[in-house]
Amino acid sequence: MKFASVRVVTPDVDRLVMFYQKLSGIDAVRLADGFAEVRFECATLAISSERLIKLFNVGAATAAANQSAILEFEVDDVDAVFERMNASGTNIVMPTTVMPWGNRSLLLRDPDGNLVNVFSRPGR
C-alpha cells in the first residue's frame, strides 16, 4: 500500500490553493473546477470544494471543521518559512520553537483554520 494524499475540503479553493502554494513554493495542478492538487515528492495535498465532496455522500466531510489533524511539512529552513508566512499575514500559532524531541517547529493556521506544522529535524 502506498500513502497517496490528504484531502482538505474548503469553501474557498482558490484561497487555500494560494496559501499552500506560498507555503510550499509548488504550483498547484487544477484538475477540475473546485479541485486542485499540490504535488510533493512523497504525497499530494488535494484541495476540494464543498460542492465536489458531496459527490462522495452528503455530510461525508465538512469544510473548516477539523480540530484533530495537523498537516505537517518538513523543510530545510523553518526560519525562512516563518519570515515569508508572517510577512503575508498568516495566523502564527507558535513561532519557531525547539520541541522536546529536537525538531524546530513553526505552527500556523491556514485560511480555513487547519493547523499546519512546518518543521526541520535536528542537525539540519
N, C-alpha and C. Protein backbone atom coordinates (compact mmCIF):
# COMPACT_ATOMS: atom_id res chain seq x y z
N MET A 1 0.84 -1.17 0.00
CA MET A 1 0.00 0.00 0.00
C MET A 1 0.89 1.24 0.00
N LYS A 2 0.45 2.24 -0.72
CA LYS A 2 1.20 3.50 -0.81
C LYS A 2 0.29 4.63 -0.35
N PHE A 3 0.77 5.42 0.62
CA PHE A 3 0.02 6.60 1.04
C PHE A 3 0.06 7.60 -0.09
N ALA A 4 -1.10 8.08 -0.54
CA ALA A 4 -1.15 8.92 -1.72
C ALA A 4 -1.42 10.39 -1.44
N SER A 5 -2.42 10.68 -0.59
CA SER A 5 -2.77 12.08 -0.41
C SER A 5 -3.59 12.32 0.85
N VAL A 6 -3.66 13.59 1.18
CA VAL A 6 -4.59 14.10 2.19
C VAL A 6 -5.45 15.11 1.45
N ARG A 7 -6.75 15.05 1.69
CA ARG A 7 -7.65 16.00 1.04
C ARG A 7 -8.23 16.95 2.07
N VAL A 8 -8.16 18.23 1.76
CA VAL A 8 -8.74 19.27 2.61
C VAL A 8 -9.96 19.82 1.88
N VAL A 9 -11.09 19.86 2.57
CA VAL A 9 -12.32 20.39 2.00
C VAL A 9 -12.46 21.84 2.44
N THR A 10 -12.81 22.69 1.49
CA THR A 10 -12.84 24.13 1.78
C THR A 10 -14.00 24.82 1.08
N PRO A 11 -14.49 25.91 1.65
CA PRO A 11 -15.49 26.71 0.94
C PRO A 11 -14.85 27.62 -0.11
N ASP A 12 -13.50 27.75 -0.09
CA ASP A 12 -12.81 28.66 -1.00
C ASP A 12 -11.51 28.02 -1.50
N VAL A 13 -11.62 27.26 -2.58
CA VAL A 13 -10.48 26.53 -3.13
C VAL A 13 -9.35 27.48 -3.52
N ASP A 14 -9.67 28.57 -4.19
CA ASP A 14 -8.62 29.50 -4.64
C ASP A 14 -7.81 30.05 -3.47
N ARG A 15 -8.48 30.42 -2.40
CA ARG A 15 -7.78 30.98 -1.23
C ARG A 15 -6.84 29.94 -0.61
N LEU A 16 -7.30 28.69 -0.49
CA LEU A 16 -6.46 27.66 0.11
C LEU A 16 -5.32 27.27 -0.82
N VAL A 17 -5.58 27.22 -2.12
CA VAL A 17 -4.52 26.93 -3.09
C VAL A 17 -3.42 27.99 -2.99
N MET A 18 -3.80 29.25 -2.94
CA MET A 18 -2.80 30.32 -2.84
C MET A 18 -1.96 30.17 -1.56
N PHE A 19 -2.60 29.83 -0.44
CA PHE A 19 -1.87 29.65 0.82
C PHE A 19 -0.84 28.54 0.69
N TYR A 20 -1.25 27.37 0.20
CA TYR A 20 -0.33 26.23 0.14
C TYR A 20 0.73 26.40 -0.95
N GLN A 21 0.44 27.15 -2.01
CA GLN A 21 1.47 27.49 -2.99
C GLN A 21 2.52 28.40 -2.35
N LYS A 22 2.08 29.39 -1.59
CA LYS A 22 3.01 30.30 -0.91
C LYS A 22 3.85 29.53 0.11
N LEU A 23 3.21 28.65 0.86
CA LEU A 23 3.92 27.87 1.88
C LEU A 23 4.97 26.97 1.26
N SER A 24 4.61 26.26 0.19
CA SER A 24 5.48 25.23 -0.38
C SER A 24 6.36 25.70 -1.53
N GLY A 25 5.94 26.74 -2.23
CA GLY A 25 6.66 27.14 -3.44
C GLY A 25 6.35 26.24 -4.63
N ILE A 26 5.33 25.41 -4.51
CA ILE A 26 4.94 24.48 -5.57
C ILE A 26 3.62 24.95 -6.18
N ASP A 27 3.56 25.03 -7.50
CA ASP A 27 2.32 25.40 -8.18
C ASP A 27 1.33 24.25 -8.12
N ALA A 28 0.09 24.58 -7.81
CA ALA A 28 -0.97 23.58 -7.78
C ALA A 28 -1.37 23.19 -9.19
N VAL A 29 -1.83 21.96 -9.32
CA VAL A 29 -2.39 21.46 -10.57
C VAL A 29 -3.90 21.45 -10.39
N ARG A 30 -4.61 22.15 -11.25
CA ARG A 30 -6.08 22.21 -11.15
C ARG A 30 -6.67 21.18 -12.10
N LEU A 31 -7.30 20.18 -11.51
CA LEU A 31 -7.82 19.06 -12.29
C LEU A 31 -9.29 19.22 -12.65
N ALA A 32 -10.01 20.07 -11.94
CA ALA A 32 -11.42 20.32 -12.21
C ALA A 32 -11.80 21.62 -11.52
N ASP A 33 -12.94 22.16 -11.90
CA ASP A 33 -13.44 23.34 -11.20
C ASP A 33 -13.75 22.92 -9.76
N GLY A 34 -13.05 23.51 -8.82
CA GLY A 34 -13.26 23.16 -7.42
C GLY A 34 -12.35 22.08 -6.90
N PHE A 35 -11.31 21.71 -7.66
CA PHE A 35 -10.39 20.67 -7.19
C PHE A 35 -8.98 20.95 -7.70
N ALA A 36 -8.02 20.92 -6.77
CA ALA A 36 -6.62 21.14 -7.13
C ALA A 36 -5.74 20.24 -6.29
N GLU A 37 -4.53 20.02 -6.78
CA GLU A 37 -3.55 19.22 -6.05
C GLU A 37 -2.22 19.97 -5.98
N VAL A 38 -1.60 19.94 -4.80
CA VAL A 38 -0.23 20.40 -4.64
C VAL A 38 0.57 19.12 -4.47
N ARG A 39 1.40 18.81 -5.46
CA ARG A 39 2.08 17.52 -5.52
C ARG A 39 3.51 17.62 -4.98
N PHE A 40 3.72 16.96 -3.85
CA PHE A 40 5.03 16.88 -3.22
C PHE A 40 5.70 15.58 -3.67
N GLU A 41 6.99 15.41 -3.35
CA GLU A 41 7.70 14.18 -3.72
C GLU A 41 7.04 12.94 -3.12
N CYS A 42 6.60 13.04 -1.89
CA CYS A 42 6.14 11.86 -1.15
C CYS A 42 4.64 11.66 -1.17
N ALA A 43 3.87 12.70 -1.37
CA ALA A 43 2.41 12.60 -1.33
C ALA A 43 1.81 13.87 -1.93
N THR A 44 0.50 13.90 -2.00
CA THR A 44 -0.22 15.01 -2.60
C THR A 44 -1.15 15.63 -1.57
N LEU A 45 -1.22 16.95 -1.58
CA LEU A 45 -2.24 17.66 -0.82
C LEU A 45 -3.34 18.02 -1.80
N ALA A 46 -4.49 17.37 -1.65
CA ALA A 46 -5.64 17.64 -2.51
C ALA A 46 -6.52 18.68 -1.83
N ILE A 47 -7.03 19.60 -2.61
CA ILE A 47 -7.89 20.66 -2.09
C ILE A 47 -9.19 20.61 -2.88
N SER A 48 -10.29 20.39 -2.16
CA SER A 48 -11.58 20.16 -2.81
C SER A 48 -12.64 21.11 -2.29
N SER A 49 -13.52 21.51 -3.18
CA SER A 49 -14.64 22.36 -2.78
C SER A 49 -15.69 21.53 -2.03
N GLU A 50 -16.49 22.22 -1.24
CA GLU A 50 -17.61 21.54 -0.56
C GLU A 50 -18.55 20.91 -1.58
N ARG A 51 -18.74 21.59 -2.68
CA ARG A 51 -19.64 21.09 -3.72
C ARG A 51 -19.20 19.73 -4.23
N LEU A 52 -17.90 19.57 -4.50
CA LEU A 52 -17.41 18.30 -5.03
C LEU A 52 -17.39 17.19 -3.99
N ILE A 53 -17.14 17.52 -2.74
CA ILE A 53 -17.07 16.48 -1.72
C ILE A 53 -18.44 15.83 -1.52
N LYS A 54 -19.49 16.53 -1.87
CA LYS A 54 -20.84 15.96 -1.77
C LYS A 54 -21.04 14.81 -2.74
N LEU A 55 -20.16 14.67 -3.74
CA LEU A 55 -20.25 13.53 -4.65
C LEU A 55 -20.00 12.22 -3.91
N PHE A 56 -19.21 12.26 -2.83
CA PHE A 56 -18.98 11.06 -2.01
C PHE A 56 -20.25 10.69 -1.27
N ASN A 57 -20.86 11.67 -0.63
CA ASN A 57 -22.09 11.48 0.12
C ASN A 57 -22.33 12.79 0.87
N VAL A 58 -23.55 13.24 0.90
CA VAL A 58 -23.86 14.46 1.63
C VAL A 58 -23.47 14.27 3.09
N GLY A 59 -22.71 15.21 3.62
CA GLY A 59 -22.27 15.14 5.01
C GLY A 59 -21.02 14.31 5.23
N ALA A 60 -20.39 13.81 4.16
CA ALA A 60 -19.18 12.98 4.30
C ALA A 60 -18.03 13.77 4.91
N ALA A 61 -17.95 15.05 4.62
CA ALA A 61 -16.92 15.92 5.18
C ALA A 61 -17.48 17.34 5.25
N THR A 62 -17.00 18.09 6.22
CA THR A 62 -17.44 19.46 6.40
C THR A 62 -16.23 20.38 6.35
N ALA A 63 -16.30 21.39 5.52
CA ALA A 63 -15.17 22.32 5.38
C ALA A 63 -14.89 23.06 6.68
N ALA A 64 -13.60 23.24 6.94
CA ALA A 64 -13.12 24.07 8.05
C ALA A 64 -13.64 23.64 9.41
N ALA A 65 -13.92 22.34 9.59
CA ALA A 65 -14.44 21.86 10.86
C ALA A 65 -13.45 20.96 11.59
N ASN A 66 -12.22 20.89 11.11
CA ASN A 66 -11.25 19.95 11.68
C ASN A 66 -10.53 20.56 12.87
N GLN A 67 -10.57 19.86 13.97
CA GLN A 67 -9.83 20.27 15.17
C GLN A 67 -8.94 19.14 15.67
N SER A 68 -8.73 18.11 14.84
CA SER A 68 -7.99 16.94 15.33
C SER A 68 -6.76 16.57 14.49
N ALA A 69 -6.61 17.13 13.32
CA ALA A 69 -5.49 16.77 12.45
C ALA A 69 -4.54 17.96 12.30
N ILE A 70 -3.26 17.64 12.07
CA ILE A 70 -2.25 18.66 11.80
C ILE A 70 -1.57 18.28 10.49
N LEU A 71 -1.53 19.19 9.53
CA LEU A 71 -0.78 18.97 8.30
C LEU A 71 0.66 19.34 8.59
N GLU A 72 1.60 18.43 8.30
CA GLU A 72 3.00 18.66 8.66
C GLU A 72 3.89 18.63 7.43
N PHE A 73 4.80 19.61 7.37
CA PHE A 73 5.70 19.76 6.25
C PHE A 73 7.13 19.89 6.77
N GLU A 74 8.02 19.03 6.30
CA GLU A 74 9.43 19.10 6.67
C GLU A 74 10.16 20.01 5.68
N VAL A 75 10.93 20.94 6.21
CA VAL A 75 11.69 21.89 5.39
C VAL A 75 13.12 21.98 5.89
N ASP A 76 13.99 22.56 5.07
CA ASP A 76 15.37 22.77 5.48
C ASP A 76 15.52 24.01 6.37
N ASP A 77 14.72 25.05 6.11
CA ASP A 77 14.89 26.33 6.80
C ASP A 77 13.55 26.84 7.34
N VAL A 78 13.24 26.47 8.57
CA VAL A 78 11.99 26.88 9.21
C VAL A 78 11.92 28.40 9.35
N ASP A 79 13.05 29.03 9.66
CA ASP A 79 13.06 30.48 9.85
C ASP A 79 12.68 31.23 8.57
N ALA A 80 13.12 30.74 7.42
CA ALA A 80 12.75 31.37 6.15
C ALA A 80 11.25 31.26 5.91
N VAL A 81 10.68 30.11 6.24
CA VAL A 81 9.23 29.93 6.09
C VAL A 81 8.50 30.88 7.04
N PHE A 82 8.98 30.97 8.28
CA PHE A 82 8.36 31.89 9.23
C PHE A 82 8.35 33.31 8.68
N GLU A 83 9.48 33.79 8.19
CA GLU A 83 9.57 35.16 7.67
C GLU A 83 8.59 35.36 6.51
N ARG A 84 8.55 34.42 5.58
CA ARG A 84 7.68 34.53 4.40
C ARG A 84 6.21 34.54 4.81
N MET A 85 5.82 33.60 5.67
CA MET A 85 4.41 33.47 6.02
C MET A 85 3.97 34.59 6.97
N ASN A 86 4.82 34.99 7.89
CA ASN A 86 4.50 36.08 8.80
C ASN A 86 4.31 37.39 8.03
N ALA A 87 5.16 37.63 7.03
CA ALA A 87 5.06 38.85 6.22
C ALA A 87 3.76 38.89 5.43
N SER A 88 3.19 37.72 5.14
CA SER A 88 1.95 37.68 4.36
C SER A 88 0.70 37.71 5.25
N GLY A 89 0.90 37.85 6.57
CA GLY A 89 -0.24 37.96 7.46
C GLY A 89 -0.83 36.65 7.93
N THR A 90 -0.11 35.56 7.74
CA THR A 90 -0.58 34.24 8.17
C THR A 90 -0.75 34.21 9.68
N ASN A 91 -1.76 33.50 10.15
CA ASN A 91 -2.00 33.32 11.58
C ASN A 91 -0.92 32.40 12.14
N ILE A 92 0.02 32.97 12.89
CA ILE A 92 1.10 32.21 13.52
C ILE A 92 0.60 31.75 14.89
N VAL A 93 0.49 30.45 15.07
CA VAL A 93 0.03 29.88 16.34
C VAL A 93 1.18 29.79 17.33
N MET A 94 2.35 29.36 16.82
CA MET A 94 3.55 29.25 17.65
C MET A 94 4.75 29.59 16.78
N PRO A 95 5.52 30.64 17.14
CA PRO A 95 6.71 30.93 16.36
C PRO A 95 7.71 29.78 16.46
N THR A 96 8.73 29.83 15.67
CA THR A 96 9.72 28.74 15.64
C THR A 96 10.20 28.42 17.05
N THR A 97 10.06 27.15 17.41
CA THR A 97 10.36 26.66 18.76
C THR A 97 11.04 25.31 18.64
N VAL A 98 12.03 25.05 19.49
CA VAL A 98 12.65 23.73 19.54
C VAL A 98 11.79 22.85 20.45
N MET A 99 11.30 21.74 19.89
CA MET A 99 10.43 20.83 20.62
C MET A 99 11.27 19.88 21.48
N PRO A 100 10.68 19.23 22.49
CA PRO A 100 11.43 18.32 23.37
C PRO A 100 12.15 17.21 22.61
N TRP A 101 11.65 16.79 21.45
CA TRP A 101 12.27 15.72 20.68
C TRP A 101 13.29 16.26 19.69
N GLY A 102 13.54 17.57 19.71
CA GLY A 102 14.61 18.16 18.92
C GLY A 102 14.20 18.87 17.65
N ASN A 103 13.01 18.64 17.13
CA ASN A 103 12.57 19.33 15.92
C ASN A 103 12.41 20.82 16.19
N ARG A 104 12.75 21.63 15.17
CA ARG A 104 12.41 23.06 15.19
C ARG A 104 11.07 23.17 14.47
N SER A 105 10.05 23.64 15.18
CA SER A 105 8.69 23.65 14.64
C SER A 105 8.11 25.05 14.63
N LEU A 106 7.29 25.29 13.61
CA LEU A 106 6.52 26.52 13.44
C LEU A 106 5.08 26.08 13.23
N LEU A 107 4.15 26.56 14.06
CA LEU A 107 2.74 26.21 13.89
C LEU A 107 1.97 27.39 13.31
N LEU A 108 1.21 27.12 12.26
CA LEU A 108 0.41 28.12 11.56
C LEU A 108 -1.03 27.63 11.47
N ARG A 109 -1.93 28.52 11.11
CA ARG A 109 -3.28 28.13 10.70
C ARG A 109 -3.45 28.57 9.26
N ASP A 110 -3.98 27.66 8.44
CA ASP A 110 -4.28 28.06 7.07
C ASP A 110 -5.54 28.92 7.09
N PRO A 111 -5.96 29.48 5.96
CA PRO A 111 -7.12 30.38 5.96
C PRO A 111 -8.42 29.75 6.46
N ASP A 112 -8.52 28.42 6.43
CA ASP A 112 -9.71 27.74 6.94
C ASP A 112 -9.57 27.35 8.41
N GLY A 113 -8.42 27.63 9.01
CA GLY A 113 -8.21 27.30 10.41
C GLY A 113 -7.55 25.97 10.66
N ASN A 114 -7.18 25.24 9.60
CA ASN A 114 -6.47 23.97 9.78
C ASN A 114 -5.08 24.24 10.35
N LEU A 115 -4.66 23.40 11.29
CA LEU A 115 -3.35 23.57 11.91
C LEU A 115 -2.27 23.00 11.01
N VAL A 116 -1.20 23.76 10.82
CA VAL A 116 -0.09 23.38 9.94
C VAL A 116 1.21 23.47 10.75
N ASN A 117 1.98 22.39 10.75
CA ASN A 117 3.29 22.36 11.41
C ASN A 117 4.36 22.33 10.34
N VAL A 118 5.24 23.31 10.36
CA VAL A 118 6.40 23.35 9.46
C VAL A 118 7.60 23.09 10.36
N PHE A 119 8.40 22.06 10.03
CA PHE A 119 9.46 21.68 10.95
C PHE A 119 10.72 21.24 10.21
N SER A 120 11.83 21.26 10.95
CA SER A 120 13.07 20.64 10.48
C SER A 120 13.57 19.73 11.59
N ARG A 121 14.22 18.67 11.18
CA ARG A 121 14.73 17.69 12.15
C ARG A 121 16.06 18.17 12.71
N PRO A 122 16.46 17.63 13.87
CA PRO A 122 17.75 18.03 14.45
C PRO A 122 18.91 17.78 13.48
N GLY A 123 19.85 18.70 13.48
CA GLY A 123 21.04 18.53 12.65
C GLY A 123 20.86 18.99 11.22
N ARG A 124 19.75 19.62 10.91
CA ARG A 124 19.53 20.10 9.54
C ARG A 124 19.43 21.59 9.52
